[in-house]
């Protein structure tokens, strides 16, 4: 999922994939970065990341471009799940 952050810290959550009944699988959705006044944060979910001491110790590259990691640690609502938040660069 992504979180779109608009001026005034107005946040909306948007999916990055949807289930296609015809293909019987999930397909990715394009991510619109929006205007310069907004930014988009991609949330990744997995396990074992809570062992990281700091977001500075994590590197995420998308298409060869390094993306700033804003958070790494426990996912706050699901026990045992970890989360990394990455700001998507323009």
PDB file of N, CA and C in Angstrom:
ATOM      1  N   UNK A   1       0.835  -1.171   0.000  1.00  0.00           N
ATOM      2  CA  UNK A   1       0.000   0.000   0.000  1.00  0.00           C
ATOM      3  C   UNK A   1       0.880   1.233   0.000  1.00  0.00           C
ATOM      4  N   UNK A   2       0.286   2.333  -0.439  1.00  0.00           N
ATOM      5  CA  UNK A   2       0.978   3.615  -0.342  1.00  0.00           C
ATOM      6  C   UNK A   2       0.143   4.539   0.529  1.00  0.00           C
ATOM      7  N   UNK A   3       0.824   5.501   1.117  1.00  0.00           N
ATOM      8  CA  UNK A   3       0.148   6.575   1.831  1.00  0.00           C
ATOM      9  C   UNK A   3       0.501   7.863   1.113  1.00  0.00           C
ATOM     10  N   UNK A   4      -0.522   8.554   0.655  1.00  0.00           N
ATOM     11  CA  UNK A   4      -0.341   9.845  -0.005  1.00  0.00           C
ATOM     12  C   UNK A   4      -0.469  10.926   1.063  1.00  0.00           C
ATOM     13  N   UNK A   5       0.539  11.806   1.137  1.00  0.00           N
ATOM     14  CA  UNK A   5       0.541  12.865   2.137  1.00  0.00           C
ATOM     15  C   UNK A   5       0.398  14.205   1.424  1.00  0.00           C
ATOM     16  N   UNK A   6      -0.709  14.870   1.726  1.00  0.00           N
ATOM     17  CA  UNK A   6      -1.020  16.170   1.122  1.00  0.00           C
ATOM     18  C   UNK A   6      -0.696  17.289   2.119  1.00  0.00           C
ATOM     19  N   UNK A   7      -0.677  18.540   1.648  1.00  0.00           N
ATOM     20  CA  UNK A   7      -0.418  19.655   2.556  1.00  0.00           C
ATOM     21  C   UNK A   7      -1.342  19.594   3.786  1.00  0.00           C
ATOM     22  N   UNK A   8      -0.802  19.980   4.923  1.00  0.00           N
ATOM     23  CA  UNK A   8      -1.550  19.914   6.167  1.00  0.00           C
ATOM     24  C   UNK A   8      -1.509  18.525   6.789  1.00  0.00           C
ATOM     25  N   UNK A   9      -0.612  17.667   6.279  1.00  0.00           N
ATOM     26  CA  UNK A   9      -0.457  16.281   6.735  1.00  0.00           C
ATOM     27  C   UNK A   9      -1.740  15.466   6.571  1.00  0.00           C
ATOM     28  N   UNK A  10      -2.510  15.765   5.529  1.00  0.00           N
ATOM     29  CA  UNK A  10      -3.703  14.987   5.201  1.00  0.00           C
ATOM     30  C   UNK A  10      -3.241  13.717   4.494  1.00  0.00           C
ATOM     31  N   UNK A  11      -3.559  12.555   5.072  1.00  0.00           N
ATOM     32  CA  UNK A  11      -3.063  11.290   4.561  1.00  0.00           C
ATOM     33  C   UNK A  11      -4.192  10.404   4.060  1.00  0.00           C
ATOM     34  N   UNK A  12      -3.967   9.784   2.895  1.00  0.00           N
ATOM     35  CA  UNK A  12      -4.904   8.794   2.367  1.00  0.00           C
ATOM     36  C   UNK A  12      -4.115   7.552   1.976  1.00  0.00           C
ATOM     37  N   UNK A  13      -4.715   6.400   2.222  1.00  0.00           N
ATOM     38  CA  UNK A  13      -4.085   5.123   1.902  1.00  0.00           C
ATOM     39  C   UNK A  13      -4.665   4.612   0.591  1.00  0.00           C
ATOM     40  N   UNK A  14      -3.791   4.126  -0.289  1.00  0.00           N
ATOM     41  CA  UNK A  14      -4.207   3.639  -1.602  1.00  0.00           C
ATOM     42  C   UNK A  14      -3.565   2.278  -1.860  1.00  0.00           C
ATOM     43  N   UNK A  15      -4.261   1.384  -2.550  1.00  0.00           N
ATOM     44  CA  UNK A  15      -3.678   0.073  -2.861  1.00  0.00           C
ATOM     45  C   UNK A  15      -2.644   0.174  -3.978  1.00  0.00           C
ATOM     46  N   UNK A  16      -1.750  -0.814  -4.037  1.00  0.00           N
ATOM     47  CA  UNK A  16      -0.763  -0.894  -5.116  1.00  0.00           C
ATOM     48  C   UNK A  16      -1.032  -2.106  -6.009  1.00  0.00           C
ATOM     49  N   UNK A  17      -2.075  -2.882  -5.646  1.00  0.00           N
ATOM     50  CA  UNK A  17      -2.455  -4.048  -6.441  1.00  0.00           C
ATOM     51  C   UNK A  17      -3.948  -4.317  -6.241  1.00  0.00           C
ATOM     52  N   UNK A  18      -4.528  -5.029  -7.210  1.00  0.00           N
ATOM     53  CA  UNK A  18      -5.926  -5.442  -7.081  1.00  0.00           C
ATOM     54  C   UNK A  18      -6.081  -6.830  -7.700  1.00  0.00           C
ATOM     55  N   UNK A  19      -7.065  -7.566  -7.200  1.00  0.00           N
ATOM     56  CA  UNK A  19      -7.287  -8.913  -7.707  1.00  0.00           C
ATOM     57  C   UNK A  19      -8.069  -8.841  -9.007  1.00  0.00           C
ATOM     58  N   UNK A  20      -7.564  -9.495 -10.039  1.00  0.00           N
ATOM     59  CA  UNK A  20      -8.225  -9.561 -11.341  1.00  0.00           C
ATOM     60  C   UNK A  20      -8.912 -10.921 -11.429  1.00  0.00           C
ATOM     61  N   UNK A  21     -10.236 -10.913 -11.404  1.00  0.00           N
ATOM     62  CA  UNK A  21     -11.012 -12.158 -11.433  1.00  0.00           C
ATOM     63  C   UNK A  21     -10.754 -12.958 -12.712  1.00  0.00           C
ATOM     64  N   UNK A  22     -10.638 -12.267 -13.842  1.00  0.00           N
ATOM     65  CA  UNK A  22     -10.435 -12.953 -15.120  1.00  0.00           C
ATOM     66  C   UNK A  22      -9.106 -13.713 -15.135  1.00  0.00           C
ATOM     67  N   UNK A  23      -8.051 -13.081 -14.599  1.00  0.00           N
ATOM     68  CA  UNK A  23      -6.730 -13.717 -14.579  1.00  0.00           C
ATOM     69  C   UNK A  23      -6.509 -14.557 -13.319  1.00  0.00           C
ATOM     70  N   UNK A  24      -7.380 -14.361 -12.324  1.00  0.00           N
ATOM     71  CA  UNK A  24      -7.308 -15.057 -11.044  1.00  0.00           C
ATOM     72  C   UNK A  24      -5.963 -14.827 -10.352  1.00  0.00           C
ATOM     73  N   UNK A  25      -5.534 -13.572 -10.391  1.00  0.00           N
ATOM     74  CA  UNK A  25      -4.285 -13.197  -9.722  1.00  0.00           C
ATOM     75  C   UNK A  25      -4.306 -11.693  -9.448  1.00  0.00           C
ATOM     76  N   UNK A  26      -3.405 -11.264  -8.585  1.00  0.00           N
ATOM     77  CA  UNK A  26      -3.272  -9.841  -8.304  1.00  0.00           C
ATOM     78  C   UNK A  26      -2.452  -9.183  -9.412  1.00  0.00           C
ATOM     79  N   UNK A  27      -2.853  -7.989  -9.778  1.00  0.00           N
ATOM     80  CA  UNK A  27      -2.107  -7.200 -10.749  1.00  0.00           C
ATOM     81  C   UNK A  27      -1.732  -5.871 -10.093  1.00  0.00           C
ATOM     82  N   UNK A  28      -0.587  -5.349 -10.488  1.00  0.00           N
ATOM     83  CA  UNK A  28      -0.137  -4.083  -9.907  1.00  0.00           C
ATOM     84  C   UNK A  28      -0.898  -2.912 -10.512  1.00  0.00           C
ATOM     85  N   UNK A  29      -1.006  -1.864  -9.715  1.00  0.00           N
ATOM     86  CA  UNK A  29      -1.647  -0.625 -10.155  1.00  0.00           C
ATOM     87  C   UNK A  29      -0.569   0.448 -10.287  1.00  0.00           C
ATOM     88  N   UNK A  30      -0.713   1.341 -11.246  1.00  0.00           N
ATOM     89  CA  UNK A  30       0.268   2.429 -11.365  1.00  0.00           C
ATOM     90  C   UNK A  30       0.180   3.357 -10.154  1.00  0.00           C
ATOM     91  N   UNK A  31       1.308   3.935  -9.792  1.00  0.00           N
ATOM     92  CA  UNK A  31       1.350   4.876  -8.674  1.00  0.00           C
ATOM     93  C   UNK A  31       1.548   6.273  -9.238  1.00  0.00           C
ATOM     94  N   UNK A  32       0.565   7.124  -9.015  1.00  0.00           N
ATOM     95  CA  UNK A  32       0.642   8.525  -9.426  1.00  0.00           C
ATOM     96  C   UNK A  32       1.294   9.301  -8.285  1.00  0.00           C
ATOM     97  N   UNK A  33       2.424   9.931  -8.542  1.00  0.00           N
ATOM     98  CA  UNK A  33       3.122  10.675  -7.494  1.00  0.00           C
ATOM     99  C   UNK A  33       2.449  11.998  -7.166  1.00  0.00           C
ATOM    100  N   UNK A  34       1.499  12.433  -7.986  1.00  0.00           N
ATOM    101  CA  UNK A  34       0.759  13.650  -7.702  1.00  0.00           C
ATOM    102  C   UNK A  34       1.595  14.900  -7.896  1.00  0.00           C
ATOM    103  N   UNK A  35       1.037  16.038  -7.472  1.00  0.00           N
ATOM    104  CA  UNK A  35       1.760  17.304  -7.637  1.00  0.00           C
ATOM    105  C   UNK A  35       2.925  17.424  -6.658  1.00  0.00           C
ATOM    106  N   UNK A  36       3.778  18.397  -6.891  1.00  0.00           N
ATOM    107  CA  UNK A  36       4.967  18.628  -6.065  1.00  0.00           C
ATOM    108  C   UNK A  36       4.620  18.897  -4.598  1.00  0.00           C
ATOM    109  N   UNK A  37       3.393  19.324  -4.313  1.00  0.00           N
ATOM    110  CA  UNK A  37       2.987  19.633  -2.943  1.00  0.00           C
ATOM    111  C   UNK A  37       2.673  18.379  -2.130  1.00  0.00           C
ATOM    112  N   UNK A  38       2.673  17.209  -2.777  1.00  0.00           N
ATOM    113  CA  UNK A  38       2.391  15.944  -2.117  1.00  0.00           C
ATOM    114  C   UNK A  38       3.631  15.057  -2.134  1.00  0.00           C
ATOM    115  N   UNK A  39       3.646  14.055  -1.247  1.00  0.00           N
ATOM    116  CA  UNK A  39       4.637  12.999  -1.372  1.00  0.00           C
ATOM    117  C   UNK A  39       3.962  11.669  -1.082  1.00  0.00           C
ATOM    118  N   UNK A  40       4.595  10.604  -1.536  1.00  0.00           N
ATOM    119  CA  UNK A  40       4.016   9.263  -1.444  1.00  0.00           C
ATOM    120  C   UNK A  40       4.996   8.356  -0.707  1.00  0.00           C
ATOM    121  N   UNK A  41       4.458   7.589   0.257  1.00  0.00           N
ATOM    122  CA  UNK A  41       5.257   6.643   1.039  1.00  0.00           C
ATOM    123  C   UNK A  41       4.754   5.236   0.750  1.00  0.00           C
ATOM    124  N   UNK A  42       5.663   4.362   0.327  1.00  0.00           N
ATOM    125  CA  UNK A  42       5.355   2.959   0.084  1.00  0.00           C
ATOM    126  C   UNK A  42       5.629   2.172   1.357  1.00  0.00           C
ATOM    127  N   UNK A  43       4.645   1.374   1.795  1.00  0.00           N
ATOM    128  CA  UNK A  43       4.825   0.520   2.975  1.00  0.00           C
ATOM    129  C   UNK A  43       5.046  -0.914   2.519  1.00  0.00           C
ATOM    130  N   UNK A  44       6.133  -1.500   2.999  1.00  0.00           N
ATOM    131  CA  UNK A  44       6.479  -2.886   2.701  1.00  0.00           C
ATOM    132  C   UNK A  44       6.330  -3.695   3.987  1.00  0.00           C
ATOM    133  N   UNK A  45       5.842  -4.928   3.872  1.00  0.00           N
ATOM    134  CA  UNK A  45       5.583  -5.750   5.047  1.00  0.00           C
ATOM    135  C   UNK A  45       6.359  -7.054   4.955  1.00  0.00           C
ATOM    136  N   UNK A  46       6.880  -7.515   6.089  1.00  0.00           N
ATOM    137  CA  UNK A  46       7.648  -8.753   6.133  1.00  0.00           C
ATOM    138  C   UNK A  46       7.974  -9.102   7.574  1.00  0.00           C
ATOM    139  N   UNK A  47       9.001  -9.911   7.758  1.00  0.00           N
ATOM    140  CA  UNK A  47       9.432 -10.282   9.106  1.00  0.00           C
ATOM    141  C   UNK A  47      10.939 -10.156   9.219  1.00  0.00           C
ATOM    142  N   UNK A  48      11.408  -9.994  10.458  1.00  0.00           N
ATOM    143  CA  UNK A  48      12.834  -9.917  10.735  1.00  0.00           C
ATOM    144  C   UNK A  48      13.414  -8.516  10.682  1.00  0.00           C
ATOM    145  N   UNK A  49      12.618  -7.550  10.269  1.00  0.00           N
ATOM    146  CA  UNK A  49      13.140  -6.186  10.128  1.00  0.00           C
ATOM    147  C   UNK A  49      13.214  -5.446  11.452  1.00  0.00           C
ATOM    148  N   UNK A  50      12.490  -5.902  12.453  1.00  0.00           N
ATOM    149  CA  UNK A  50      12.508  -5.209  13.749  1.00  0.00           C
ATOM    150  C   UNK A  50      13.876  -5.316  14.409  1.00  0.00           C
ATOM    151  N   UNK A  51      14.728  -6.201  13.910  1.00  0.00           N
ATOM    152  CA  UNK A  51      16.066  -6.379  14.471  1.00  0.00           C
ATOM    153  C   UNK A  51      17.018  -5.259  14.041  1.00  0.00           C
ATOM    154  N   UNK A  52      16.600  -4.458  13.070  1.00  0.00           N
ATOM    155  CA  UNK A  52      17.435  -3.363  12.569  1.00  0.00           C
ATOM    156  C   UNK A  52      17.463  -2.242  13.603  1.00  0.00           C
ATOM    157  N   UNK A  53      18.638  -1.699  13.860  1.00  0.00           N
ATOM    158  CA  UNK A  53      18.783  -0.651  14.871  1.00  0.00           C
ATOM    159  C   UNK A  53      18.204   0.692  14.446  1.00  0.00           C
ATOM    160  N   UNK A  54      18.315   1.021  13.156  1.00  0.00           N
ATOM    161  CA  UNK A  54      17.911   2.341  12.698  1.00  0.00           C
ATOM    162  C   UNK A  54      17.553   2.291  11.214  1.00  0.00           C
ATOM    163  N   UNK A  55      16.677   3.182  10.783  1.00  0.00           N
ATOM    164  CA  UNK A  55      16.337   3.283   9.356  1.00  0.00           C
ATOM    165  C   UNK A  55      17.578   3.607   8.533  1.00  0.00           C
ATOM    166  N   UNK A  56      18.583   4.234   9.144  1.00  0.00           N
ATOM    167  CA  UNK A  56      19.838   4.546   8.430  1.00  0.00           C
ATOM    168  C   UNK A  56      20.588   3.284   8.020  1.00  0.00           C
ATOM    169  N   UNK A  57      20.276   2.144   8.688  1.00  0.00           N
ATOM    170  CA  UNK A  57      20.952   0.887   8.395  1.00  0.00           C
ATOM    171  C   UNK A  57      20.277   0.105   7.271  1.00  0.00           C
ATOM    172  N   UNK A  58      19.222   0.662   6.682  1.00  0.00           N
ATOM    173  CA  UNK A  58      18.445  -0.034   5.649  1.00  0.00           C
ATOM    174  C   UNK A  58      18.553   0.736   4.341  1.00  0.00           C
ATOM    175  N   UNK A  59      18.719   0.006   3.231  1.00  0.00           N
ATOM    176  CA  UNK A  59      18.725   0.639   1.916  1.00  0.00           C
ATOM    177  C   UNK A  59      17.661  -0.041   1.053  1.00  0.00           C
ATOM    178  N   UNK A  60      16.834   0.778   0.408  1.00  0.00           N
ATOM    179  CA  UNK A  60      15.832   0.272  -0.528  1.00  0.00           C
ATOM    180  C   UNK A  60      16.082   0.955  -1.863  1.00  0.00           C
ATOM    181  N   UNK A  61      16.191   0.135  -2.917  1.00  0.00           N
ATOM    182  CA  UNK A  61      16.336   0.662  -4.269  1.00  0.00           C
ATOM    183  C   UNK A  61      15.150   0.193  -5.096  1.00  0.00           C
ATOM    184  N   UNK A  62      14.602   1.103  -5.860  1.00  0.00           N
ATOM    185  CA  UNK A  62      13.523   0.777  -6.788  1.00  0.00           C
ATOM    186  C   UNK A  62      13.977   1.219  -8.167  1.00  0.00           C
ATOM    187  N   UNK A  63      14.087   0.269  -9.073  1.00  0.00           N
ATOM    188  CA  UNK A  63      14.576   0.583 -10.413  1.00  0.00           C
ATOM    189  C   UNK A  63      15.976   1.165 -10.393  1.00  0.00           C
ATOM    190  N   UNK A  64      16.792   0.747  -9.422  1.00  0.00           N
ATOM    191  CA  UNK A  64      18.158   1.233  -9.311  1.00  0.00           C
ATOM    192  C   UNK A  64      18.293   2.566  -8.606  1.00  0.00           C
ATOM    193  N   UNK A  65      17.159   3.157  -8.184  1.00  0.00           N
ATOM    194  CA  UNK A  65      17.169   4.458  -7.511  1.00  0.00           C
ATOM    195  C   UNK A  65      17.019   4.234  -6.012  1.00  0.00           C
ATOM    196  N   UNK A  66      17.956   4.772  -5.221  1.00  0.00           N
ATOM    197  CA  UNK A  66      17.868   4.639  -3.775  1.00  0.00           C
ATOM    198  C   UNK A  66      16.739   5.525  -3.245  1.00  0.00           C
ATOM    199  N   UNK A  67      15.906   4.955  -2.383  1.00  0.00           N
ATOM    200  CA  UNK A  67      14.742   5.646  -1.829  1.00  0.00           C
ATOM    201  C   UNK A  67      14.947   5.852  -0.328  1.00  0.00           C
ATOM    202  N   UNK A  68      14.599   7.040   0.185  1.00  0.00           N
ATOM    203  CA  UNK A  68      14.772   7.304   1.615  1.00  0.00           C
ATOM    204  C   UNK A  68      13.863   6.406   2.464  1.00  0.00           C
ATOM    205  N   UNK A  69      14.463   5.708   3.433  1.00  0.00           N
ATOM    206  CA  UNK A  69      13.697   4.873   4.360  1.00  0.00           C
ATOM    207  C   UNK A  69      13.310   5.752   5.542  1.00  0.00           C
ATOM    208  N   UNK A  70      12.002   5.847   5.786  1.00  0.00           N
ATOM    209  CA  UNK A  70      11.512   6.706   6.860  1.00  0.00           C
ATOM    210  C   UNK A  70      11.216   5.938   8.145  1.00  0.00           C
ATOM    211  N   UNK A  71      10.951   4.635   8.020  1.00  0.00           N
ATOM    212  CA  UNK A  71      10.639   3.838   9.212  1.00  0.00           C
ATOM    213  C   UNK A  71      10.972   2.385   8.944  1.00  0.00           C
ATOM    214  N   UNK A  72      11.495   1.721   9.958  1.00  0.00           N
ATOM    215  CA  UNK A  72      11.666   0.264   9.927  1.00  0.00           C
ATOM    216  C   UNK A  72      11.440  -0.235  11.349  1.00  0.00           C
ATOM    217  N   UNK A  73      10.553  -1.227  11.480  1.00  0.00           N
ATOM    218  CA  UNK A  73      10.262  -1.758  12.806  1.00  0.00           C
ATOM    219  C   UNK A  73       8.968  -2.545  12.826  1.00  0.00           C
ATOM    220  N   UNK A  74       8.391  -2.660  14.011  1.00  0.00           N
ATOM    221  CA  UNK A  74       7.144  -3.401  14.179  1.00  0.00           C
ATOM    222  C   UNK A  74       6.013  -2.755  13.393  1.00  0.00           C
ATOM    223  N   UNK A  75       5.182  -3.573  12.778  1.00  0.00           N
ATOM    224  CA  UNK A  75       3.935  -3.076  12.190  1.00  0.00           C
ATOM    225  C   UNK A  75       2.988  -2.894  13.367  1.00  0.00           C
ATOM    226  N   UNK A  76       2.391  -1.718  13.525  1.00  0.00           N
ATOM    227  CA  UNK A  76       1.698  -1.411  14.777  1.00  0.00           C
ATOM    228  C   UNK A  76       0.384  -2.144  15.045  1.00  0.00           C
ATOM    229  N   UNK A  77      -0.235  -2.776  14.059  1.00  0.00           N
ATOM    230  CA  UNK A  77      -1.545  -3.370  14.311  1.00  0.00           C
ATOM    231  C   UNK A  77      -1.601  -4.887  14.170  1.00  0.00           C
ATOM    232  N   UNK A  78      -0.544  -5.507  13.624  1.00  0.00           N
ATOM    233  CA  UNK A  78      -0.542  -6.960  13.439  1.00  0.00           C
ATOM    234  C   UNK A  78       0.680  -7.541  14.143  1.00  0.00           C
ATOM    235  N   UNK A  79       0.447  -8.293  15.200  1.00  0.00           N
ATOM    236  CA  UNK A  79       1.527  -8.897  15.987  1.00  0.00           C
ATOM    237  C   UNK A  79       2.414  -9.784  15.109  1.00  0.00           C
ATOM    238  N   UNK A  80       3.732  -9.608  15.220  1.00  0.00           N
ATOM    239  CA  UNK A  80       4.680 -10.444  14.501  1.00  0.00           C
ATOM    240  C   UNK A  80       5.040  -9.953  13.109  1.00  0.00           C
ATOM    241  N   UNK A  81       4.356  -8.926  12.622  1.00  0.00           N
ATOM    242  CA  UNK A  81       4.633  -8.390  11.296  1.00  0.00           C
ATOM    243  C   UNK A  81       5.497  -7.147  11.427  1.00  0.00           C
ATOM    244  N   UNK A  82       6.440  -6.983  10.520  1.00  0.00           N
ATOM    245  CA  UNK A  82       7.309  -5.808  10.501  1.00  0.00           C
ATOM    246  C   UNK A  82       6.977  -4.953   9.284  1.00  0.00           C
ATOM    247  N   UNK A  83       7.427  -3.704   9.333  1.00  0.00           N
ATOM    248  CA  UNK A  83       7.076  -2.748   8.282  1.00  0.00           C
ATOM    249  C   UNK A  83       8.269  -1.854   7.972  1.00  0.00           C
ATOM    250  N   UNK A  84       8.417  -1.542   6.686  1.00  0.00           N
ATOM    251  CA  UNK A  84       9.375  -0.527   6.228  1.00  0.00           C
ATOM    252  C   UNK A  84       8.585   0.495   5.423  1.00  0.00           C
ATOM    253  N   UNK A  85       8.763   1.779   5.752  1.00  0.00           N
ATOM    254  CA  UNK A  85       8.142   2.865   4.989  1.00  0.00           C
ATOM    255  C   UNK A  85       9.217   3.570   4.178  1.00  0.00           C
ATOM    256  N   UNK A  86       8.989   3.689   2.879  1.00  0.00           N
ATOM    257  CA  UNK A  86       9.964   4.257   1.953  1.00  0.00           C
ATOM    258  C   UNK A  86       9.314   5.401   1.192  1.00  0.00           C
ATOM    259  N   UNK A  87       9.923   6.575   1.251  1.00  0.00           N
ATOM    260  CA  UNK A  87       9.395   7.711   0.473  1.00  0.00           C
ATOM    261  C   UNK A  87       9.808   7.525  -0.979  1.00  0.00           C
ATOM    262  N   UNK A  88       8.836   7.607  -1.867  1.00  0.00           N
ATOM    263  CA  UNK A  88       9.114   7.430  -3.295  1.00  0.00           C
ATOM    264  C   UNK A  88       9.619   8.753  -3.887  1.00  0.00           C
ATOM    265  N   UNK A  89      10.813   8.721  -4.463  1.00  0.00           N
ATOM    266  CA  UNK A  89      11.356   9.946  -5.070  1.00  0.00           C
ATOM    267  C   UNK A  89      10.702  10.238  -6.407  1.00  0.00           C
ATOM    268  N   UNK A  90      10.712  11.458  -6.791  1.00  0.00           N
ATOM    269  CA  UNK A  90      10.167  11.845  -8.093  1.00  0.00           C
ATOM    270  C   UNK A  90      11.193  11.510  -9.122  1.00  0.00           C
TER     271      UNK A  90
END
